[in-house]
Amino acid sequence: MMWGWGYGGYGAPWGWVGPVMMAAFWIAVTVGIVFLVRFFVRHSRQSGSEESALEALRRRYAKGEIGKEEYEEKRKDLS
């Protein structure tokens, strides 16, 4: 057997697979972290936007732009 042509040698025909798979693994981990961060940021914004929608509804009712029936209906929709 020649040196370097075994399964672990540097001259092995499939010797490039290991580094490529390692790079693919770290790219997948990085992409996964980015998606998780984006998910949590969107989720926190959505809960904040629901509160602001309810506040906008309260302001419209307080200004007299909408009646009590419409206010109650839309408040139930937002809850």
C-alpha atoms as a PDB file:
ATOM      1  CA  MET A   1       0.000   0.000   0.000  1.00  0.00           C
ATOM      2  CA  MET A   2       1.309   3.425  -0.901  1.00  0.00           C
ATOM      3  CA  TRP A   3       1.546   6.137   1.686  1.00  0.00           C
ATOM      4  CA  GLY A   4      -1.178   8.807   1.378  1.00  0.00           C
ATOM      5  CA  TRP A   5      -3.691   6.686  -0.520  1.00  0.00           C
ATOM      6  CA  GLY A   6      -5.402   5.103   2.447  1.00  0.00           C
ATOM      7  CA  TYR A   7      -8.699   6.215   3.914  1.00  0.00           C
ATOM      8  CA  GLY A   8      -7.138   8.895   6.053  1.00  0.00           C
ATOM      9  CA  GLY A   9      -4.345  10.037   3.769  1.00  0.00           C
ATOM     10  CA  TYR A  10      -4.071  13.467   2.236  1.00  0.00           C
ATOM     11  CA  GLY A  11      -3.985  12.104  -1.283  1.00  0.00           C
ATOM     12  CA  ALA A  12      -7.149  10.042  -0.914  1.00  0.00           C
ATOM     13  CA  PRO A  13      -9.618  10.549  -3.755  1.00  0.00           C
ATOM     14  CA  TRP A  14     -12.398  11.468  -1.292  1.00  0.00           C
ATOM     15  CA  GLY A  15     -10.186  13.516   0.992  1.00  0.00           C
ATOM     16  CA  TRP A  16     -11.998  16.741   0.062  1.00  0.00           C
ATOM     17  CA  VAL A  17     -15.364  15.497   1.368  1.00  0.00           C
ATOM     18  CA  GLY A  18     -14.509  16.038   5.038  1.00  0.00           C
ATOM     19  CA  PRO A  19     -13.623  19.734   4.787  1.00  0.00           C
ATOM     20  CA  VAL A  20     -16.601  20.405   2.489  1.00  0.00           C
ATOM     21  CA  MET A  21     -18.994  18.675   4.896  1.00  0.00           C
ATOM     22  CA  MET A  22     -17.518  20.598   7.836  1.00  0.00           C
ATOM     23  CA  ALA A  23     -18.018  23.886   5.974  1.00  0.00           C
ATOM     24  CA  ALA A  24     -21.579  22.876   5.060  1.00  0.00           C
ATOM     25  CA  PHE A  25     -22.263  22.022   8.701  1.00  0.00           C
ATOM     26  CA  TRP A  26     -21.076  25.412   9.978  1.00  0.00           C
ATOM     27  CA  ILE A  27     -22.984  27.231   7.232  1.00  0.00           C
ATOM     28  CA  ALA A  28     -26.139  25.317   8.227  1.00  0.00           C
ATOM     29  CA  VAL A  29     -25.591  26.189  11.907  1.00  0.00           C
ATOM     30  CA  THR A  30     -25.117  29.869  11.042  1.00  0.00           C
ATOM     31  CA  VAL A  31     -28.211  29.949   8.819  1.00  0.00           C
ATOM     32  CA  GLY A  32     -30.204  28.191  11.557  1.00  0.00           C
ATOM     33  CA  ILE A  33     -29.165  30.775  14.132  1.00  0.00           C
ATOM     34  CA  VAL A  34     -30.078  33.613  11.754  1.00  0.00           C
ATOM     35  CA  PHE A  35     -33.537  32.119  11.161  1.00  0.00           C
ATOM     36  CA  LEU A  36     -34.118  31.619  14.887  1.00  0.00           C
ATOM     37  CA  VAL A  37     -33.168  35.216  15.637  1.00  0.00           C
ATOM     38  CA  ARG A  38     -35.437  36.468  12.849  1.00  0.00           C
ATOM     39  CA  PHE A  39     -38.299  34.292  14.132  1.00  0.00           C
ATOM     40  CA  PHE A  40     -38.013  35.631  17.674  1.00  0.00           C
ATOM     41  CA  VAL A  41     -37.701  39.237  16.469  1.00  0.00           C
ATOM     42  CA  ARG A  42     -40.812  38.885  14.299  1.00  0.00           C
ATOM     43  CA  HIS A  43     -42.696  37.174  17.098  1.00  0.00           C
ATOM     44  CA  SER A  44     -41.881  39.964  19.543  1.00  0.00           C
ATOM     45  CA  ARG A  45     -42.894  42.605  16.983  1.00  0.00           C
ATOM     46  CA  GLN A  46     -46.210  40.882  16.307  1.00  0.00           C
ATOM     47  CA  SER A  47     -47.164  40.854  19.968  1.00  0.00           C
ATOM     48  CA  GLY A  48     -46.264  44.543  20.136  1.00  0.00           C
ATOM     49  CA  SER A  49     -48.276  45.361  17.027  1.00  0.00           C
ATOM     50  CA  GLU A  50     -51.393  43.730  18.500  1.00  0.00           C
ATOM     51  CA  GLU A  51     -51.145  46.040  21.488  1.00  0.00           C
ATOM     52  CA  SER A  52     -50.668  49.073  19.280  1.00  0.00           C
ATOM     53  CA  ALA A  53     -53.675  48.052  17.150  1.00  0.00           C
ATOM     54  CA  LEU A  54     -55.802  47.896  20.280  1.00  0.00           C
ATOM     55  CA  GLU A  55     -54.464  51.269  21.366  1.00  0.00           C
ATOM     56  CA  ALA A  56     -55.322  52.736  17.962  1.00  0.00           C
ATOM     57  CA  LEU A  57     -58.825  51.319  18.283  1.00  0.00           C
ATOM     58  CA  ARG A  58     -59.184  52.880  21.745  1.00  0.00           C
ATOM     59  CA  ARG A  59     -57.994  56.231  20.413  1.00  0.00           C
ATOM     60  CA  ARG A  60     -60.484  56.121  17.546  1.00  0.00           C
ATOM     61  CA  TYR A  61     -63.282  55.333  19.998  1.00  0.00           C
ATOM     62  CA  ALA A  62     -62.158  58.090  22.345  1.00  0.00           C
ATOM     63  CA  LYS A  63     -62.127  60.613  19.481  1.00  0.00           C
ATOM     64  CA  GLY A  64     -65.603  59.565  18.444  1.00  0.00           C
ATOM     65  CA  GLU A  65     -64.577  58.253  15.046  1.00  0.00           C
ATOM     66  CA  ILE A  66     -66.301  54.917  15.719  1.00  0.00           C
ATOM     67  CA  GLY A  67     -69.328  53.986  17.778  1.00  0.00           C
ATOM     68  CA  LYS A  68     -69.570  51.677  20.753  1.00  0.00           C
ATOM     69  CA  GLU A  69     -70.909  48.750  18.718  1.00  0.00           C
ATOM     70  CA  GLU A  70     -68.094  48.970  16.174  1.00  0.00           C
ATOM     71  CA  TYR A  71     -65.534  49.366  18.981  1.00  0.00           C
ATOM     72  CA  GLU A  72     -66.785  46.252  20.787  1.00  0.00           C
ATOM     73  CA  GLU A  73     -66.860  44.225  17.562  1.00  0.00           C
ATOM     74  CA  LYS A  74     -63.326  45.178  16.555  1.00  0.00           C
ATOM     75  CA  ARG A  75     -62.010  44.694  20.088  1.00  0.00           C
ATOM     76  CA  LYS A  76     -63.352  41.129  20.064  1.00  0.00           C
ATOM     77  CA  ASP A  77     -61.672  40.551  16.687  1.00  0.00           C
ATOM     78  CA  LEU A  78     -58.339  41.739  18.073  1.00  0.00           C
ATOM     79  CA  SER A  79     -58.552  39.626  21.237  1.00  0.00           C
END
